[in-house]
């Protein structure tokens, strides 16, 4: 079975998380993760940093596919629009590299990684650590990006998909 190099992206104007895993069958291997930080500036400059830095990650890590978290609708429509632009810059970096892009909602990602869509950030971080056998818990933004990649590797089912098979999942454990 061919190995898939999946780059997960959690877009944000201040912090964009990224994480790369290798999926070979059901086996997941951690490669790298991190955050692209924007220290203020006007919107066009922030978008440039996201596009440029994700482009650099793509060149350095050679992913074969990309998974991006979809924007959720905030109470503040202006925040939603701004986040959508950050997401557009992230998708543009992947498309410019001729990579296929898949999109997942936060609910799908949490369902796939933790087993329920209302999981707290700490639960996502802990499950990412466990699923990828990491020595330490990744930062929240990097964990979200890795979780998005894991969700994509599992075909958006993951642990959450086990429920449909008659298993129950509680606190990230199969019961």
C-alpha atoms as a PDB file:
ATOM      1  CA  UNK A   1       0.000   0.000   0.000  1.00  0.00           C
ATOM      2  CA  UNK A   2       1.356   3.416  -0.945  1.00  0.00           C
ATOM      3  CA  UNK A   3       2.230   5.906   1.764  1.00  0.00           C
ATOM      4  CA  UNK A   4       0.239   9.140   1.764  1.00  0.00           C
ATOM      5  CA  UNK A   5       1.914  12.301   3.057  1.00  0.00           C
ATOM      6  CA  UNK A   6      -0.946  14.348   4.463  1.00  0.00           C
ATOM      7  CA  UNK A   7      -0.518  17.991   5.426  1.00  0.00           C
ATOM      8  CA  UNK A   8      -3.199  19.199   7.821  1.00  0.00           C
ATOM      9  CA  UNK A   9      -3.800  22.933   8.133  1.00  0.00           C
ATOM     10  CA  UNK A  10      -5.670  24.872  10.820  1.00  0.00           C
ATOM     11  CA  UNK A  11      -5.901  28.369   9.302  1.00  0.00           C
ATOM     12  CA  UNK A  12      -5.871  31.542  11.354  1.00  0.00           C
ATOM     13  CA  UNK A  13      -4.843  35.156  10.813  1.00  0.00           C
ATOM     14  CA  UNK A  14      -2.694  35.275  13.943  1.00  0.00           C
ATOM     15  CA  UNK A  15      -1.613  31.632  14.110  1.00  0.00           C
ATOM     16  CA  UNK A  16      -1.898  29.020  11.358  1.00  0.00           C
ATOM     17  CA  UNK A  17      -1.165  25.505  12.527  1.00  0.00           C
ATOM     18  CA  UNK A  18       0.255  22.835  10.258  1.00  0.00           C
ATOM     19  CA  UNK A  19       1.052  19.171  10.728  1.00  0.00           C
ATOM     20  CA  UNK A  20       2.341  16.466   8.419  1.00  0.00           C
ATOM     21  CA  UNK A  21       1.731  12.758   8.891  1.00  0.00           C
ATOM     22  CA  UNK A  22       2.360   9.673   6.801  1.00  0.00           C
ATOM     23  CA  UNK A  23      -0.588   7.313   6.449  1.00  0.00           C
ATOM     24  CA  UNK A  24       0.132   3.802   5.268  1.00  0.00           C
ATOM     25  CA  UNK A  25      -2.951   1.669   5.603  1.00  0.00           C
ATOM     26  CA  UNK A  26      -4.187   2.247   9.145  1.00  0.00           C
ATOM     27  CA  UNK A  27      -0.696   3.137  10.419  1.00  0.00           C
ATOM     28  CA  UNK A  28      -0.050   6.831  11.077  1.00  0.00           C
ATOM     29  CA  UNK A  29       3.427   8.285  11.504  1.00  0.00           C
ATOM     30  CA  UNK A  30       4.213  11.786  12.704  1.00  0.00           C
ATOM     31  CA  UNK A  31       6.609  13.783  10.505  1.00  0.00           C
ATOM     32  CA  UNK A  32       6.466  17.410  11.646  1.00  0.00           C
ATOM     33  CA  UNK A  33       4.191  20.159  12.912  1.00  0.00           C
ATOM     34  CA  UNK A  34       4.342  23.785  13.864  1.00  0.00           C
ATOM     35  CA  UNK A  35       2.770  27.201  13.667  1.00  0.00           C
ATOM     36  CA  UNK A  36       3.031  30.143  11.336  1.00  0.00           C
ATOM     37  CA  UNK A  37       2.744  33.250  13.485  1.00  0.00           C
ATOM     38  CA  UNK A  38       1.622  36.644  12.260  1.00  0.00           C
ATOM     39  CA  UNK A  39       2.677  39.569  14.420  1.00  0.00           C
ATOM     40  CA  UNK A  40       0.133  42.160  13.445  1.00  0.00           C
ATOM     41  CA  UNK A  41       0.215  44.176  10.279  1.00  0.00           C
ATOM     42  CA  UNK A  42      -2.416  44.798   7.665  1.00  0.00           C
ATOM     43  CA  UNK A  43      -4.542  41.983   6.258  1.00  0.00           C
ATOM     44  CA  UNK A  44      -2.703  41.681   2.905  1.00  0.00           C
ATOM     45  CA  UNK A  45       0.636  41.281   4.715  1.00  0.00           C
ATOM     46  CA  UNK A  46      -0.800  38.607   7.022  1.00  0.00           C
ATOM     47  CA  UNK A  47      -2.191  36.679   4.050  1.00  0.00           C
ATOM     48  CA  UNK A  48       1.192  36.950   2.323  1.00  0.00           C
ATOM     49  CA  UNK A  49       2.922  35.401   5.353  1.00  0.00           C
ATOM     50  CA  UNK A  50       0.453  32.475   5.411  1.00  0.00           C
ATOM     51  CA  UNK A  51       0.808  31.858   1.657  1.00  0.00           C
ATOM     52  CA  UNK A  52       4.607  32.199   1.660  1.00  0.00           C
ATOM     53  CA  UNK A  53       5.292  30.138   4.787  1.00  0.00           C
ATOM     54  CA  UNK A  54       2.877  27.327   3.924  1.00  0.00           C
ATOM     55  CA  UNK A  55       4.447  27.283   0.461  1.00  0.00           C
ATOM     56  CA  UNK A  56       7.832  26.791   2.133  1.00  0.00           C
ATOM     57  CA  UNK A  57       6.455  23.945   4.278  1.00  0.00           C
ATOM     58  CA  UNK A  58       5.019  22.290   1.168  1.00  0.00           C
ATOM     59  CA  UNK A  59       8.329  22.533  -0.699  1.00  0.00           C
ATOM     60  CA  UNK A  60      10.335  21.238   2.282  1.00  0.00           C
ATOM     61  CA  UNK A  61       7.986  18.389   3.287  1.00  0.00           C
ATOM     62  CA  UNK A  62       6.533  17.290  -0.094  1.00  0.00           C
ATOM     63  CA  UNK A  63       3.007  16.314   0.988  1.00  0.00           C
ATOM     64  CA  UNK A  64       0.856  14.370  -1.473  1.00  0.00           C
ATOM     65  CA  UNK A  65      -2.443  15.807  -0.241  1.00  0.00           C
ATOM     66  CA  UNK A  66      -3.781  18.527   2.024  1.00  0.00           C
ATOM     67  CA  UNK A  67      -6.613  18.630   4.567  1.00  0.00           C
ATOM     68  CA  UNK A  68      -7.906  22.028   5.718  1.00  0.00           C
ATOM     69  CA  UNK A  69     -10.310  22.808   8.516  1.00  0.00           C
ATOM     70  CA  UNK A  70     -13.458  24.599   7.318  1.00  0.00           C
ATOM     71  CA  UNK A  71     -14.447  27.937   8.785  1.00  0.00           C
ATOM     72  CA  UNK A  72     -17.154  27.874  11.401  1.00  0.00           C
ATOM     73  CA  UNK A  73     -19.611  30.770  11.570  1.00  0.00           C
ATOM     74  CA  UNK A  74     -18.764  33.059  14.471  1.00  0.00           C
ATOM     75  CA  UNK A  75     -21.154  35.314  16.320  1.00  0.00           C
ATOM     76  CA  UNK A  76     -19.167  38.126  14.704  1.00  0.00           C
ATOM     77  CA  UNK A  77     -19.557  37.966  10.893  1.00  0.00           C
ATOM     78  CA  UNK A  78     -16.451  40.144  10.412  1.00  0.00           C
ATOM     79  CA  UNK A  79     -14.301  37.542  12.217  1.00  0.00           C
ATOM     80  CA  UNK A  80     -15.771  34.806  10.029  1.00  0.00           C
ATOM     81  CA  UNK A  81     -14.926  36.736   6.864  1.00  0.00           C
ATOM     82  CA  UNK A  82     -11.356  37.404   8.028  1.00  0.00           C
ATOM     83  CA  UNK A  83     -10.817  33.761   8.956  1.00  0.00           C
ATOM     84  CA  UNK A  84     -12.182  32.769   5.557  1.00  0.00           C
ATOM     85  CA  UNK A  85      -9.486  34.872   3.921  1.00  0.00           C
ATOM     86  CA  UNK A  86      -6.770  33.138   5.954  1.00  0.00           C
ATOM     87  CA  UNK A  87      -8.257  29.826   4.872  1.00  0.00           C
ATOM     88  CA  UNK A  88      -8.197  31.008   1.256  1.00  0.00           C
ATOM     89  CA  UNK A  89      -4.485  31.808   1.532  1.00  0.00           C
ATOM     90  CA  UNK A  90      -3.826  28.335   2.965  1.00  0.00           C
ATOM     91  CA  UNK A  91      -5.802  26.620   0.205  1.00  0.00           C
ATOM     92  CA  UNK A  92      -4.028  28.778  -2.390  1.00  0.00           C
ATOM     93  CA  UNK A  93      -0.633  27.544  -1.150  1.00  0.00           C
ATOM     94  CA  UNK A  94      -1.764  23.943  -1.699  1.00  0.00           C
ATOM     95  CA  UNK A  95      -3.388  24.619  -5.060  1.00  0.00           C
ATOM     96  CA  UNK A  96      -0.302  26.465  -6.340  1.00  0.00           C
ATOM     97  CA  UNK A  97       1.661  23.275  -5.560  1.00  0.00           C
ATOM     98  CA  UNK A  98      -0.915  21.200  -7.518  1.00  0.00           C
ATOM     99  CA  UNK A  99      -1.994  19.302  -4.404  1.00  0.00           C
ATOM    100  CA  UNK A 100      -5.502  17.922  -3.868  1.00  0.00           C
ATOM    101  CA  UNK A 101      -7.316  19.694  -1.023  1.00  0.00           C
ATOM    102  CA  UNK A 102     -10.012  18.207   1.210  1.00  0.00           C
ATOM    103  CA  UNK A 103     -12.009  20.192   3.743  1.00  0.00           C
ATOM    104  CA  UNK A 104     -13.428  19.115   7.079  1.00  0.00           C
ATOM    105  CA  UNK A 105     -15.524  20.863   9.688  1.00  0.00           C
ATOM    106  CA  UNK A 106     -14.287  21.082  13.263  1.00  0.00           C
ATOM    107  CA  UNK A 107     -17.121  18.699  14.181  1.00  0.00           C
ATOM    108  CA  UNK A 108     -15.878  16.081  11.677  1.00  0.00           C
ATOM    109  CA  UNK A 109     -12.289  16.441  12.883  1.00  0.00           C
ATOM    110  CA  UNK A 110     -13.194  16.088  16.566  1.00  0.00           C
ATOM    111  CA  UNK A 111     -15.519  13.167  15.810  1.00  0.00           C
ATOM    112  CA  UNK A 112     -12.743  11.366  13.917  1.00  0.00           C
ATOM    113  CA  UNK A 113     -10.014  11.965  16.492  1.00  0.00           C
ATOM    114  CA  UNK A 114     -11.775  12.042  19.862  1.00  0.00           C
ATOM    115  CA  UNK A 115     -15.037  10.256  19.126  1.00  0.00           C
ATOM    116  CA  UNK A 116     -17.441  13.141  19.663  1.00  0.00           C
ATOM    117  CA  UNK A 117     -17.857  16.530  18.046  1.00  0.00           C
ATOM    118  CA  UNK A 118     -18.011  18.574  21.245  1.00  0.00           C
ATOM    119  CA  UNK A 119     -14.494  17.671  22.428  1.00  0.00           C
ATOM    120  CA  UNK A 120     -12.428  20.326  24.184  1.00  0.00           C
ATOM    121  CA  UNK A 121      -9.093  21.473  22.719  1.00  0.00           C
ATOM    122  CA  UNK A 122      -7.249  19.629  25.493  1.00  0.00           C
ATOM    123  CA  UNK A 123      -8.949  16.367  24.539  1.00  0.00           C
ATOM    124  CA  UNK A 124      -7.946  16.831  20.886  1.00  0.00           C
ATOM    125  CA  UNK A 125      -4.360  17.565  21.923  1.00  0.00           C
ATOM    126  CA  UNK A 126      -4.197  14.458  24.133  1.00  0.00           C
ATOM    127  CA  UNK A 127      -5.692  12.157  21.475  1.00  0.00           C
ATOM    128  CA  UNK A 128      -3.332  13.502  18.800  1.00  0.00           C
ATOM    129  CA  UNK A 129      -0.442  12.787  21.170  1.00  0.00           C
ATOM    130  CA  UNK A 130      -1.682   9.235  21.708  1.00  0.00           C
ATOM    131  CA  UNK A 131      -2.606   8.433  18.108  1.00  0.00           C
ATOM    132  CA  UNK A 132       0.771   9.622  16.803  1.00  0.00           C
ATOM    133  CA  UNK A 133       2.801   8.326  19.790  1.00  0.00           C
ATOM    134  CA  UNK A 134       4.262  11.771  20.472  1.00  0.00           C
ATOM    135  CA  UNK A 135       6.544  12.408  23.442  1.00  0.00           C
ATOM    136  CA  UNK A 136       4.732  15.629  24.365  1.00  0.00           C
ATOM    137  CA  UNK A 137       1.404  17.308  23.766  1.00  0.00           C
ATOM    138  CA  UNK A 138       1.567  19.571  20.687  1.00  0.00           C
ATOM    139  CA  UNK A 139       0.418  23.197  20.835  1.00  0.00           C
ATOM    140  CA  UNK A 140      -3.320  23.707  20.298  1.00  0.00           C
ATOM    141  CA  UNK A 141      -2.953  25.021  16.726  1.00  0.00           C
ATOM    142  CA  UNK A 142      -0.490  22.309  15.660  1.00  0.00           C
ATOM    143  CA  UNK A 143      -2.702  19.653  17.297  1.00  0.00           C
ATOM    144  CA  UNK A 144      -5.747  20.923  15.388  1.00  0.00           C
ATOM    145  CA  UNK A 145      -3.789  20.710  12.122  1.00  0.00           C
ATOM    146  CA  UNK A 146      -2.548  17.190  12.931  1.00  0.00           C
ATOM    147  CA  UNK A 147      -6.103  16.209  13.901  1.00  0.00           C
ATOM    148  CA  UNK A 148      -7.314  17.451  10.511  1.00  0.00           C
ATOM    149  CA  UNK A 149      -4.673  15.285   8.797  1.00  0.00           C
ATOM    150  CA  UNK A 150      -5.687  12.286  10.941  1.00  0.00           C
ATOM    151  CA  UNK A 151      -9.341  12.878  10.062  1.00  0.00           C
ATOM    152  CA  UNK A 152      -8.427  12.868   6.370  1.00  0.00           C
ATOM    153  CA  UNK A 153      -6.308   9.722   6.757  1.00  0.00           C
ATOM    154  CA  UNK A 154      -9.265   7.944   8.321  1.00  0.00           C
ATOM    155  CA  UNK A 155     -11.613   9.061   5.594  1.00  0.00           C
ATOM    156  CA  UNK A 156     -13.371  11.404   8.031  1.00  0.00           C
ATOM    157  CA  UNK A 157     -14.482   8.440  10.133  1.00  0.00           C
ATOM    158  CA  UNK A 158     -11.704   7.494  12.555  1.00  0.00           C
ATOM    159  CA  UNK A 159     -12.729   6.611  16.090  1.00  0.00           C
ATOM    160  CA  UNK A 160     -16.083   8.300  15.552  1.00  0.00           C
ATOM    161  CA  UNK A 161     -16.796   5.791  12.789  1.00  0.00           C
ATOM    162  CA  UNK A 162     -16.556   2.947  15.284  1.00  0.00           C
ATOM    163  CA  UNK A 163     -19.818   4.021  16.861  1.00  0.00           C
ATOM    164  CA  UNK A 164     -21.628   3.079  13.682  1.00  0.00           C
ATOM    165  CA  UNK A 165     -20.071  -0.385  13.954  1.00  0.00           C
ATOM    166  CA  UNK A 166     -21.564  -1.106  17.365  1.00  0.00           C
ATOM    167  CA  UNK A 167     -18.643   0.054  19.503  1.00  0.00           C
ATOM    168  CA  UNK A 168     -18.779   2.855  22.020  1.00  0.00           C
ATOM    169  CA  UNK A 169     -16.088   5.457  22.466  1.00  0.00           C
ATOM    170  CA  UNK A 170     -15.643   7.220  25.806  1.00  0.00           C
ATOM    171  CA  UNK A 171     -12.879   9.738  26.570  1.00  0.00           C
ATOM    172  CA  UNK A 172     -10.936   8.563  23.538  1.00  0.00           C
ATOM    173  CA  UNK A 173     -10.993   4.864  24.518  1.00  0.00           C
ATOM    174  CA  UNK A 174     -12.865   2.046  22.822  1.00  0.00           C
ATOM    175  CA  UNK A 175     -15.143   0.390  25.349  1.00  0.00           C
END
